[in-house]
Amino acid sequence: MWLTWLIVIIAAYLMGSVPCAYLLVKLKNGRDIRKFGSGNPGSTNSTRAAGPLIGGLVFLGDCLKCALPTWIGLQLIGPGLAVCAGLAAFLGHLYPVWLSFQGGKGVACTLSMGFVLVPGLAGICFAAWVIVTLLSGYVSLGSCIGVALAIPLCLITGQPWMITLLFTVTAVLVILRHKKNIQQIKNGTERKILRRS
């Protein structure tokens, strides 16, 4: 059984490492996403670099590459392997071997793991992300609040400690990845995705 765990976790990390933003933006217009805009290889910067279709495909790809290993782990062994596989894929996205360990911020990955493990909870977090983003215009603010909300929701709904720990770790890492964005919001220099006339 340990071999199954090892294979799934390694495969999950490698799958998470697939640089969807880098590949799709490069294919669309030849740009290196790491040298455009914020430099972040995620869906928001991909939208700015190559348009909403590419941004949407990047978001979908980032979701799938984390949701699939989580689902496979759940089917093969159960919640324990699902959590480990999801975390491995998440870390692969943040620290991809293919891009010198410089990856994205992990928002789509966190949400997709949630929809596999605790869909109702993930739905609330996703709704919060959308609402905060629409009201504020800041994707980064919506992202941080959306993932952070998972922690109290896990505690309130009595989720298993593994799932609570998973979303605590991912939320902390996602927020740390948004440190620059948070500072820019404070300074009034963060770019809004929705511009009001």
N, C-alpha and C. Protein backbone atom coordinates (compact mmCIF):
# COMPACT_ATOMS: atom_id res chain seq x y z
N MET A 1 0.83 -1.22 0.00
CA MET A 1 0.00 0.00 0.00
C MET A 1 0.86 1.26 0.00
N TRP A 2 2.02 1.20 0.65
CA TRP A 2 2.88 2.38 0.70
C TRP A 2 3.32 2.80 -0.69
N LEU A 3 3.47 1.80 -1.61
CA LEU A 3 3.88 2.11 -2.97
C LEU A 3 2.79 2.91 -3.69
N THR A 4 1.54 2.56 -3.43
CA THR A 4 0.42 3.32 -4.00
C THR A 4 0.46 4.76 -3.54
N TRP A 5 0.67 4.95 -2.24
CA TRP A 5 0.77 6.31 -1.68
C TRP A 5 1.90 7.08 -2.36
N LEU A 6 3.06 6.45 -2.48
CA LEU A 6 4.22 7.12 -3.06
C LEU A 6 3.98 7.51 -4.50
N ILE A 7 3.46 6.58 -5.29
CA ILE A 7 3.21 6.85 -6.71
C ILE A 7 2.20 7.97 -6.88
N VAL A 8 1.10 7.90 -6.13
CA VAL A 8 0.04 8.91 -6.26
C VAL A 8 0.54 10.29 -5.85
N ILE A 9 1.30 10.36 -4.76
CA ILE A 9 1.79 11.65 -4.28
C ILE A 9 2.79 12.27 -5.25
N ILE A 10 3.70 11.47 -5.77
CA ILE A 10 4.69 11.98 -6.75
C ILE A 10 3.97 12.41 -8.03
N ALA A 11 3.05 11.58 -8.51
CA ALA A 11 2.29 11.93 -9.71
C ALA A 11 1.47 13.20 -9.51
N ALA A 12 0.92 13.35 -8.30
CA ALA A 12 0.12 14.54 -7.98
C ALA A 12 0.97 15.79 -8.03
N TYR A 13 2.18 15.71 -7.46
CA TYR A 13 3.08 16.87 -7.50
C TYR A 13 3.42 17.24 -8.94
N LEU A 14 3.75 16.24 -9.75
CA LEU A 14 4.12 16.50 -11.14
C LEU A 14 2.95 17.06 -11.94
N MET A 15 1.75 16.56 -11.65
CA MET A 15 0.56 17.09 -12.32
C MET A 15 0.31 18.53 -11.89
N GLY A 16 0.46 18.79 -10.61
CA GLY A 16 0.29 20.15 -10.12
C GLY A 16 1.32 21.11 -10.68
N SER A 17 2.46 20.58 -11.04
CA SER A 17 3.55 21.40 -11.58
C SER A 17 3.33 21.84 -13.02
N VAL A 18 2.38 21.21 -13.71
CA VAL A 18 2.13 21.58 -15.11
C VAL A 18 1.77 23.06 -15.18
N PRO A 19 2.58 23.88 -15.88
CA PRO A 19 2.37 25.34 -15.88
C PRO A 19 1.33 25.77 -16.91
N CYS A 20 0.07 25.61 -16.58
CA CYS A 20 -1.02 25.91 -17.52
C CYS A 20 -0.92 27.34 -18.08
N ALA A 21 -0.71 28.31 -17.21
CA ALA A 21 -0.65 29.71 -17.64
C ALA A 21 0.51 29.93 -18.60
N TYR A 22 1.66 29.43 -18.25
CA TYR A 22 2.84 29.61 -19.09
C TYR A 22 2.61 28.99 -20.47
N LEU A 23 2.09 27.77 -20.50
CA LEU A 23 1.92 27.06 -21.77
C LEU A 23 0.85 27.71 -22.65
N LEU A 24 -0.30 28.04 -22.06
CA LEU A 24 -1.41 28.58 -22.85
C LEU A 24 -1.13 29.99 -23.36
N VAL A 25 -0.54 30.82 -22.51
CA VAL A 25 -0.22 32.18 -22.96
C VAL A 25 0.87 32.13 -24.03
N LYS A 26 1.85 31.27 -23.85
CA LYS A 26 2.92 31.11 -24.83
C LYS A 26 2.34 30.65 -26.17
N LEU A 27 1.41 29.72 -26.11
CA LEU A 27 0.77 29.20 -27.31
C LEU A 27 -0.08 30.26 -28.00
N LYS A 28 -0.74 31.10 -27.20
CA LYS A 28 -1.64 32.11 -27.74
C LYS A 28 -0.89 33.24 -28.44
N ASN A 29 0.10 33.83 -27.77
CA ASN A 29 0.75 35.01 -28.35
C ASN A 29 2.26 35.05 -28.17
N GLY A 30 2.85 33.96 -27.70
CA GLY A 30 4.30 33.91 -27.59
C GLY A 30 4.88 34.61 -26.38
N ARG A 31 4.02 35.16 -25.52
CA ARG A 31 4.51 35.87 -24.34
C ARG A 31 4.90 34.91 -23.23
N ASP A 32 5.89 35.33 -22.47
CA ASP A 32 6.26 34.62 -21.24
C ASP A 32 5.47 35.28 -20.12
N ILE A 33 4.49 34.57 -19.57
CA ILE A 33 3.61 35.12 -18.55
C ILE A 33 4.39 35.66 -17.35
N ARG A 34 5.57 35.09 -17.11
CA ARG A 34 6.38 35.51 -15.96
C ARG A 34 6.99 36.89 -16.17
N LYS A 35 6.97 37.37 -17.41
CA LYS A 35 7.54 38.68 -17.73
C LYS A 35 6.48 39.69 -18.13
N PHE A 36 5.22 39.36 -17.82
CA PHE A 36 4.12 40.25 -18.17
C PHE A 36 3.31 40.59 -16.93
N GLY A 37 2.88 41.85 -16.82
CA GLY A 37 2.03 42.27 -15.73
C GLY A 37 2.64 42.00 -14.38
N SER A 38 1.89 41.26 -13.54
CA SER A 38 2.37 40.94 -12.19
C SER A 38 3.44 39.85 -12.21
N GLY A 39 3.56 39.16 -13.34
CA GLY A 39 4.53 38.07 -13.42
C GLY A 39 4.01 36.76 -12.85
N ASN A 40 2.80 36.79 -12.30
CA ASN A 40 2.25 35.58 -11.70
C ASN A 40 1.64 34.67 -12.76
N PRO A 41 2.03 33.39 -12.79
CA PRO A 41 1.46 32.45 -13.76
C PRO A 41 0.11 31.90 -13.29
N GLY A 42 -0.87 32.79 -13.26
CA GLY A 42 -2.21 32.40 -12.82
C GLY A 42 -3.26 32.91 -13.79
N SER A 43 -4.51 32.66 -13.49
CA SER A 43 -5.59 33.00 -14.43
C SER A 43 -5.80 34.50 -14.59
N THR A 44 -5.66 35.27 -13.51
CA THR A 44 -5.88 36.72 -13.60
C THR A 44 -4.85 37.37 -14.52
N ASN A 45 -3.58 37.06 -14.31
CA ASN A 45 -2.54 37.64 -15.15
C ASN A 45 -2.61 37.10 -16.58
N SER A 46 -3.07 35.85 -16.72
CA SER A 46 -3.24 35.26 -18.06
C SER A 46 -4.33 36.00 -18.83
N THR A 47 -5.39 36.39 -18.12
CA THR A 47 -6.46 37.16 -18.75
C THR A 47 -5.92 38.48 -19.28
N ARG A 48 -5.08 39.13 -18.49
CA ARG A 48 -4.49 40.40 -18.92
C ARG A 48 -3.52 40.21 -20.07
N ALA A 49 -2.82 39.07 -20.06
CA ALA A 49 -1.80 38.83 -21.08
C ALA A 49 -2.36 38.31 -22.39
N ALA A 50 -3.45 37.52 -22.31
CA ALA A 50 -3.92 36.84 -23.52
C ALA A 50 -5.44 36.81 -23.69
N GLY A 51 -6.18 37.53 -22.83
CA GLY A 51 -7.62 37.61 -22.99
C GLY A 51 -8.39 36.67 -22.09
N PRO A 52 -9.71 36.90 -21.98
CA PRO A 52 -10.54 36.14 -21.03
C PRO A 52 -10.66 34.65 -21.35
N LEU A 53 -10.63 34.27 -22.62
CA LEU A 53 -10.72 32.85 -22.97
C LEU A 53 -9.53 32.09 -22.41
N ILE A 54 -8.33 32.61 -22.62
CA ILE A 54 -7.13 31.96 -22.10
C ILE A 54 -7.15 31.99 -20.57
N GLY A 55 -7.55 33.10 -20.00
CA GLY A 55 -7.65 33.19 -18.54
C GLY A 55 -8.59 32.14 -17.98
N GLY A 56 -9.72 31.94 -18.65
CA GLY A 56 -10.68 30.93 -18.22
C GLY A 56 -10.12 29.52 -18.36
N LEU A 57 -9.41 29.27 -19.45
CA LEU A 57 -8.81 27.95 -19.65
C LEU A 57 -7.72 27.67 -18.62
N VAL A 58 -6.97 28.70 -18.26
CA VAL A 58 -5.94 28.55 -17.23
C VAL A 58 -6.60 28.21 -15.89
N PHE A 59 -7.65 28.92 -15.56
CA PHE A 59 -8.38 28.65 -14.31
C PHE A 59 -8.89 27.21 -14.29
N LEU A 60 -9.47 26.77 -15.41
CA LEU A 60 -9.98 25.41 -15.50
C LEU A 60 -8.85 24.38 -15.36
N GLY A 61 -7.74 24.64 -16.06
CA GLY A 61 -6.60 23.74 -15.99
C GLY A 61 -6.03 23.64 -14.59
N ASP A 62 -5.92 24.79 -13.92
CA ASP A 62 -5.39 24.80 -12.55
C ASP A 62 -6.32 24.06 -11.59
N CYS A 63 -7.62 24.16 -11.84
CA CYS A 63 -8.58 23.43 -11.02
C CYS A 63 -8.44 21.92 -11.23
N LEU A 64 -8.40 21.52 -12.49
CA LEU A 64 -8.36 20.09 -12.81
C LEU A 64 -7.09 19.41 -12.32
N LYS A 65 -5.96 20.11 -12.44
CA LYS A 65 -4.69 19.45 -12.08
C LYS A 65 -4.57 19.24 -10.57
N CYS A 66 -5.43 19.87 -9.78
CA CYS A 66 -5.44 19.65 -8.34
C CYS A 66 -6.63 18.78 -7.93
N ALA A 67 -7.75 18.97 -8.60
CA ALA A 67 -8.95 18.19 -8.26
C ALA A 67 -8.78 16.72 -8.63
N LEU A 68 -8.16 16.46 -9.78
CA LEU A 68 -8.03 15.08 -10.25
C LEU A 68 -7.19 14.20 -9.31
N PRO A 69 -6.00 14.64 -8.90
CA PRO A 69 -5.24 13.82 -7.95
C PRO A 69 -5.98 13.62 -6.62
N THR A 70 -6.69 14.65 -6.17
CA THR A 70 -7.46 14.55 -4.93
C THR A 70 -8.54 13.49 -5.08
N TRP A 71 -9.23 13.50 -6.20
CA TRP A 71 -10.30 12.54 -6.46
C TRP A 71 -9.74 11.12 -6.58
N ILE A 72 -8.61 10.99 -7.28
CA ILE A 72 -7.99 9.67 -7.43
C ILE A 72 -7.59 9.10 -6.07
N GLY A 73 -6.97 9.95 -5.24
CA GLY A 73 -6.60 9.51 -3.89
C GLY A 73 -7.80 9.07 -3.09
N LEU A 74 -8.91 9.79 -3.25
CA LEU A 74 -10.14 9.47 -2.52
C LEU A 74 -10.69 8.12 -2.97
N GLN A 75 -10.63 7.85 -4.27
CA GLN A 75 -11.16 6.60 -4.80
C GLN A 75 -10.27 5.41 -4.46
N LEU A 76 -8.95 5.60 -4.50
CA LEU A 76 -8.02 4.49 -4.27
C LEU A 76 -7.93 4.07 -2.82
N ILE A 77 -7.78 5.04 -1.93
CA ILE A 77 -7.54 4.74 -0.51
C ILE A 77 -8.60 5.37 0.40
N GLY A 78 -8.86 6.65 0.18
CA GLY A 78 -9.79 7.36 1.04
C GLY A 78 -9.32 8.77 1.34
N PRO A 79 -9.91 9.43 2.33
CA PRO A 79 -9.60 10.83 2.64
C PRO A 79 -8.12 11.10 2.93
N GLY A 80 -7.43 10.15 3.57
CA GLY A 80 -6.02 10.36 3.90
C GLY A 80 -5.17 10.59 2.67
N LEU A 81 -5.28 9.71 1.70
CA LEU A 81 -4.50 9.86 0.47
C LEU A 81 -5.02 11.04 -0.35
N ALA A 82 -6.33 11.27 -0.31
CA ALA A 82 -6.90 12.41 -1.04
C ALA A 82 -6.29 13.73 -0.56
N VAL A 83 -6.19 13.88 0.76
CA VAL A 83 -5.60 15.09 1.33
C VAL A 83 -4.12 15.22 0.94
N CYS A 84 -3.38 14.13 1.04
CA CYS A 84 -1.95 14.16 0.71
C CYS A 84 -1.73 14.44 -0.78
N ALA A 85 -2.54 13.81 -1.63
CA ALA A 85 -2.42 14.03 -3.07
C ALA A 85 -2.79 15.47 -3.44
N GLY A 86 -3.87 15.97 -2.83
CA GLY A 86 -4.27 17.35 -3.09
C GLY A 86 -3.20 18.34 -2.67
N LEU A 87 -2.62 18.11 -1.49
CA LEU A 87 -1.57 19.00 -1.01
C LEU A 87 -0.33 18.92 -1.91
N ALA A 88 0.00 17.72 -2.38
CA ALA A 88 1.14 17.56 -3.28
C ALA A 88 0.92 18.32 -4.58
N ALA A 89 -0.28 18.23 -5.13
CA ALA A 89 -0.60 18.95 -6.36
C ALA A 89 -0.57 20.46 -6.13
N PHE A 90 -1.11 20.88 -4.99
CA PHE A 90 -1.10 22.31 -4.62
C PHE A 90 0.34 22.83 -4.53
N LEU A 91 1.20 22.07 -3.86
CA LEU A 91 2.61 22.48 -3.75
C LEU A 91 3.31 22.44 -5.10
N GLY A 92 2.89 21.51 -5.95
CA GLY A 92 3.43 21.47 -7.30
C GLY A 92 3.08 22.73 -8.07
N HIS A 93 1.87 23.22 -7.86
CA HIS A 93 1.45 24.46 -8.52
C HIS A 93 2.24 25.67 -8.01
N LEU A 94 2.44 25.72 -6.70
CA LEU A 94 3.19 26.84 -6.11
C LEU A 94 4.68 26.75 -6.43
N TYR A 95 5.20 25.53 -6.44
CA TYR A 95 6.64 25.33 -6.64
C TYR A 95 6.88 24.30 -7.75
N PRO A 96 6.56 24.67 -9.00
CA PRO A 96 6.65 23.71 -10.11
C PRO A 96 8.09 23.43 -10.54
N VAL A 97 8.39 22.16 -10.67
CA VAL A 97 9.73 21.77 -11.08
C VAL A 97 10.04 22.28 -12.50
N TRP A 98 9.00 22.43 -13.32
CA TRP A 98 9.19 22.84 -14.72
C TRP A 98 9.50 24.33 -14.85
N LEU A 99 9.19 25.13 -13.84
CA LEU A 99 9.43 26.59 -13.92
C LEU A 99 10.35 27.06 -12.80
N SER A 100 11.36 26.27 -12.50
CA SER A 100 12.35 26.62 -11.48
C SER A 100 11.70 26.91 -10.13
N PHE A 101 10.61 26.21 -9.84
CA PHE A 101 9.92 26.29 -8.55
C PHE A 101 9.27 27.65 -8.30
N GLN A 102 8.99 28.39 -9.39
CA GLN A 102 8.32 29.69 -9.28
C GLN A 102 6.94 29.58 -9.91
N GLY A 103 5.92 29.32 -9.10
CA GLY A 103 4.59 29.07 -9.64
C GLY A 103 3.54 30.07 -9.23
N GLY A 104 2.30 29.63 -9.28
CA GLY A 104 1.17 30.51 -9.00
C GLY A 104 0.85 30.63 -7.52
N LYS A 105 -0.35 31.16 -7.25
CA LYS A 105 -0.72 31.47 -5.87
C LYS A 105 -1.65 30.44 -5.24
N GLY A 106 -2.21 29.54 -6.04
CA GLY A 106 -2.92 28.40 -5.49
C GLY A 106 -4.39 28.56 -5.17
N VAL A 107 -5.02 29.62 -5.64
CA VAL A 107 -6.43 29.86 -5.31
C VAL A 107 -7.33 28.82 -5.99
N ALA A 108 -7.18 28.68 -7.30
CA ALA A 108 -8.00 27.71 -8.03
C ALA A 108 -7.76 26.30 -7.51
N CYS A 109 -6.53 25.98 -7.20
CA CYS A 109 -6.19 24.66 -6.68
C CYS A 109 -6.90 24.39 -5.35
N THR A 110 -6.88 25.38 -4.47
CA THR A 110 -7.53 25.22 -3.16
C THR A 110 -9.03 25.02 -3.31
N LEU A 111 -9.66 25.82 -4.15
CA LEU A 111 -11.10 25.69 -4.36
C LEU A 111 -11.46 24.34 -4.96
N SER A 112 -10.66 23.88 -5.92
CA SER A 112 -10.98 22.62 -6.59
C SER A 112 -10.84 21.44 -5.63
N MET A 113 -9.83 21.47 -4.76
CA MET A 113 -9.71 20.43 -3.73
C MET A 113 -10.94 20.44 -2.83
N GLY A 114 -11.39 21.64 -2.51
CA GLY A 114 -12.57 21.77 -1.65
C GLY A 114 -13.80 21.15 -2.28
N PHE A 115 -13.99 21.34 -3.58
CA PHE A 115 -15.16 20.79 -4.25
C PHE A 115 -15.14 19.27 -4.30
N VAL A 116 -13.94 18.68 -4.26
CA VAL A 116 -13.83 17.22 -4.21
C VAL A 116 -14.10 16.70 -2.80
N LEU A 117 -13.52 17.37 -1.80
CA LEU A 117 -13.56 16.87 -0.42
C LEU A 117 -14.79 17.32 0.36
N VAL A 118 -15.13 18.60 0.24
CA VAL A 118 -16.27 19.17 0.98
C VAL A 118 -16.99 20.18 0.09
N PRO A 119 -17.77 19.68 -0.88
CA PRO A 119 -18.36 20.56 -1.90
C PRO A 119 -19.23 21.69 -1.35
N GLY A 120 -20.01 21.42 -0.31
CA GLY A 120 -20.86 22.48 0.24
C GLY A 120 -20.05 23.62 0.80
N LEU A 121 -19.02 23.27 1.55
CA LEU A 121 -18.12 24.27 2.13
C LEU A 121 -17.40 25.05 1.03
N ALA A 122 -16.94 24.32 0.02
CA ALA A 122 -16.23 24.97 -1.09
C ALA A 122 -17.15 25.92 -1.84
N GLY A 123 -18.42 25.55 -1.96
CA GLY A 123 -19.38 26.41 -2.64
C GLY A 123 -19.55 27.75 -1.93
N ILE A 124 -19.58 27.71 -0.59
CA ILE A 124 -19.68 28.94 0.20
C ILE A 124 -18.43 29.81 -0.01
N CYS A 125 -17.26 29.17 0.02
CA CYS A 125 -16.00 29.91 -0.17
C CYS A 125 -15.93 30.52 -1.57
N PHE A 126 -16.38 29.76 -2.56
CA PHE A 126 -16.38 30.27 -3.93
C PHE A 126 -17.32 31.47 -4.07
N ALA A 127 -18.50 31.35 -3.47
CA ALA A 127 -19.46 32.45 -3.51
C ALA A 127 -18.88 33.70 -2.85
N ALA A 128 -18.20 33.51 -1.71
CA ALA A 128 -17.57 34.64 -1.01
C ALA A 128 -16.50 35.28 -1.89
N TRP A 129 -15.72 34.44 -2.55
CA TRP A 129 -14.67 34.94 -3.45
C TRP A 129 -15.28 35.82 -4.56
N VAL A 130 -16.34 35.31 -5.19
CA VAL A 130 -16.98 36.04 -6.28
C VAL A 130 -17.58 37.35 -5.77
N ILE A 131 -18.30 37.30 -4.65
CA ILE A 131 -18.97 38.49 -4.12
C ILE A 131 -17.97 39.58 -3.73
N VAL A 132 -16.92 39.19 -3.00
CA VAL A 132 -15.91 40.17 -2.57
C VAL A 132 -15.20 40.76 -3.78
N THR A 133 -14.90 39.92 -4.77
CA THR A 133 -14.23 40.40 -5.98
C THR A 133 -15.10 41.40 -6.73
N LEU A 134 -16.39 41.08 -6.86
CA LEU A 134 -17.30 41.98 -7.58
C LEU A 134 -17.50 43.30 -6.83
N LEU A 135 -17.62 43.22 -5.51
CA LEU A 135 -17.85 44.43 -4.72
C LEU A 135 -16.62 45.32 -4.64
N SER A 136 -15.45 44.70 -4.52
CA SER A 136 -14.23 45.48 -4.34
C SER A 136 -13.48 45.75 -5.65
N GLY A 137 -13.64 44.84 -6.61
CA GLY A 137 -12.88 44.94 -7.85
C GLY A 137 -11.51 44.29 -7.75
N TYR A 138 -11.17 43.80 -6.57
CA TYR A 138 -9.85 43.19 -6.35
C TYR A 138 -9.97 41.67 -6.32
N VAL A 139 -9.42 41.00 -7.32
CA VAL A 139 -9.41 39.54 -7.31
C VAL A 139 -8.59 39.02 -6.14
N SER A 140 -7.51 39.70 -5.85
CA SER A 140 -6.62 39.27 -4.76
C SER A 140 -7.35 39.28 -3.41
N LEU A 141 -8.15 40.31 -3.16
CA LEU A 141 -8.89 40.40 -1.90
C LEU A 141 -9.94 39.29 -1.81
N GLY A 142 -10.67 39.10 -2.92
CA GLY A 142 -11.65 38.03 -2.95
C GLY A 142 -11.02 36.67 -2.74
N SER A 143 -9.84 36.47 -3.34
CA SER A 143 -9.12 35.20 -3.21
C SER A 143 -8.74 34.93 -1.76
N CYS A 144 -8.15 35.92 -1.12
CA CYS A 144 -7.71 35.74 0.27
C CYS A 144 -8.87 35.48 1.21
N ILE A 145 -9.95 36.23 1.05
CA ILE A 145 -11.10 36.03 1.93
C ILE A 145 -11.76 34.69 1.65
N GLY A 146 -11.85 34.32 0.38
CA GLY A 146 -12.46 33.05 0.01
C GLY A 146 -11.75 31.85 0.62
N VAL A 147 -10.42 31.83 0.52
CA VAL A 147 -9.68 30.67 1.06
C VAL A 147 -9.61 30.73 2.59
N ALA A 148 -9.50 31.92 3.15
CA ALA A 148 -9.43 32.04 4.62
C ALA A 148 -10.74 31.60 5.27
N LEU A 149 -11.85 31.81 4.59
CA LEU A 149 -13.17 31.44 5.12
C LEU A 149 -13.27 29.94 5.36
N ALA A 150 -12.49 29.17 4.61
CA ALA A 150 -12.54 27.70 4.75
C ALA A 150 -12.16 27.24 6.15
N ILE A 151 -11.27 27.98 6.82
CA ILE A 151 -10.80 27.55 8.14
C ILE A 151 -11.93 27.57 9.18
N PRO A 152 -12.61 28.72 9.39
CA PRO A 152 -13.72 28.69 10.37
C PRO A 152 -14.86 27.78 9.95
N LEU A 153 -15.09 27.65 8.64
CA LEU A 153 -16.16 26.77 8.17
C LEU A 153 -15.85 25.31 8.50
N CYS A 154 -14.58 24.92 8.36
CA CYS A 154 -14.17 23.56 8.72
C CYS A 154 -14.41 23.31 10.21
N LEU A 155 -14.07 24.30 11.03
CA LEU A 155 -14.23 24.16 12.48
C LEU A 155 -15.70 24.13 12.87
N ILE A 156 -16.49 25.01 12.28
CA ILE A 156 -17.91 25.09 12.61
C ILE A 156 -18.66 23.83 12.21
N THR A 157 -18.30 23.29 11.04
CA THR A 157 -19.01 22.11 10.54
C THR A 157 -18.39 20.80 11.01
N GLY A 158 -17.35 20.88 11.83
CA GLY A 158 -16.76 19.68 12.41
C GLY A 158 -16.08 18.76 11.41
N GLN A 159 -15.35 19.33 10.47
CA GLN A 159 -14.64 18.51 9.48
C GLN A 159 -13.52 17.72 10.15
N PRO A 160 -13.13 16.57 9.57
CA PRO A 160 -12.00 15.80 10.10
C PRO A 160 -10.74 16.66 10.18
N TRP A 161 -9.88 16.36 11.14
CA TRP A 161 -8.70 17.19 11.38
C TRP A 161 -7.81 17.28 10.15
N MET A 162 -7.76 16.21 9.34
CA MET A 162 -6.91 16.24 8.14
C MET A 162 -7.38 17.29 7.15
N ILE A 163 -8.67 17.37 6.97
CA ILE A 163 -9.23 18.34 6.03
C ILE A 163 -9.08 19.76 6.57
N THR A 164 -9.32 19.93 7.87
CA THR A 164 -9.13 21.25 8.49
C THR A 164 -7.68 21.69 8.37
N LEU A 165 -6.76 20.78 8.63
CA LEU A 165 -5.33 21.10 8.52
C LEU A 165 -4.95 21.43 7.09
N LEU A 166 -5.48 20.66 6.13
CA LEU A 166 -5.19 20.91 4.72
C LEU A 166 -5.57 22.33 4.32
N PHE A 167 -6.79 22.74 4.66
CA PHE A 167 -7.25 24.06 4.24
C PHE A 167 -6.64 25.19 5.07
N THR A 168 -6.17 24.87 6.26
CA THR A 168 -5.42 25.86 7.03
C THR A 168 -4.08 26.12 6.38
N VAL A 169 -3.39 25.05 6.01
CA VAL A 169 -2.08 25.18 5.35
C VAL A 169 -2.21 25.90 4.01
N THR A 170 -3.18 25.48 3.19
CA THR A 170 -3.32 26.11 1.87
C THR A 170 -3.73 27.58 2.00
N ALA A 171 -4.62 27.89 2.95
CA ALA A 171 -5.05 29.28 3.13
C ALA A 171 -3.87 30.16 3.54
N VAL A 172 -3.06 29.68 4.47
CA VAL A 172 -1.89 30.46 4.91
C VAL A 172 -0.93 30.70 3.74
N LEU A 173 -0.67 29.67 2.96
CA LEU A 173 0.25 29.81 1.83
C LEU A 173 -0.32 30.74 0.75
N VAL A 174 -1.61 30.62 0.49
CA VAL A 174 -2.24 31.51 -0.50
C VAL A 174 -2.15 32.97 -0.05
N ILE A 175 -2.45 33.22 1.21
CA ILE A 175 -2.40 34.60 1.72
C ILE A 175 -0.97 35.13 1.70
N LEU A 176 0.00 34.31 2.07
CA LEU A 176 1.41 34.73 2.00
C LEU A 176 1.80 35.06 0.57
N ARG A 177 1.28 34.30 -0.38
CA ARG A 177 1.56 34.57 -1.79
C ARG A 177 0.95 35.89 -2.26
N HIS A 178 -0.05 36.36 -1.54
CA HIS A 178 -0.71 37.62 -1.88
C HIS A 178 -0.21 38.80 -1.05
N LYS A 179 0.90 38.60 -0.36
CA LYS A 179 1.43 39.65 0.52
C LYS A 179 1.63 40.97 -0.23
N LYS A 180 2.21 40.88 -1.42
CA LYS A 180 2.46 42.09 -2.22
C LYS A 180 1.14 42.75 -2.62
N ASN A 181 0.15 41.93 -3.00
CA ASN A 181 -1.16 42.47 -3.39
C ASN A 181 -1.84 43.18 -2.23
N ILE A 182 -1.74 42.58 -1.05
CA ILE A 182 -2.35 43.18 0.14
C ILE A 182 -1.73 44.54 0.43
N GLN A 183 -0.41 44.62 0.30
CA GLN A 183 0.27 45.89 0.52
C GLN A 183 -0.14 46.92 -0.52
N GLN A 184 -0.32 46.47 -1.77
CA GLN A 184 -0.73 47.39 -2.84
C GLN A 184 -2.16 47.87 -2.64
N ILE A 185 -3.01 47.03 -2.08
CA ILE A 185 -4.38 47.47 -1.76
C ILE A 185 -4.33 48.57 -0.71
N LYS A 186 -3.49 48.38 0.31
CA LYS A 186 -3.32 49.39 1.35
C LYS A 186 -2.81 50.70 0.77
N ASN A 187 -1.90 50.60 -0.21
CA ASN A 187 -1.30 51.78 -0.82
C ASN A 187 -2.17 52.40 -1.91
N GLY A 188 -3.24 51.68 -2.30
CA GLY A 188 -4.10 52.17 -3.36
C GLY A 188 -3.53 51.98 -4.74
N THR A 189 -2.57 51.05 -4.89
CA THR A 189 -1.92 50.84 -6.19
C THR A 189 -2.27 49.49 -6.82
N GLU A 190 -3.07 48.69 -6.12
CA GLU A 190 -3.46 47.39 -6.67
C GLU A 190 -4.41 47.59 -7.85
N ARG A 191 -4.14 46.86 -8.93
CA ARG A 191 -4.97 46.99 -10.12
C ARG A 191 -6.29 46.27 -9.95
N LYS A 192 -7.39 46.92 -10.33
CA LYS A 192 -8.70 46.31 -10.24
C LYS A 192 -9.03 45.61 -11.55
N ILE A 193 -9.63 44.44 -11.43
CA ILE A 193 -10.00 43.72 -12.65
C ILE A 193 -11.29 44.29 -13.23
N LEU A 194 -12.11 44.87 -12.37
CA LEU A 194 -13.35 45.51 -12.81
C LEU A 194 -13.21 47.01 -12.65
N ARG A 195 -13.32 47.70 -13.73
CA ARG A 195 -13.17 49.16 -13.68
C ARG A 195 -14.53 49.81 -13.72
N ARG A 196 -14.76 50.65 -12.74
CA ARG A 196 -16.05 51.38 -12.69
C ARG A 196 -15.90 52.71 -13.41
N SER A 197 -16.92 53.06 -14.18
CA SER A 197 -16.87 54.32 -14.93
C SER A 197 -17.22 55.50 -14.03
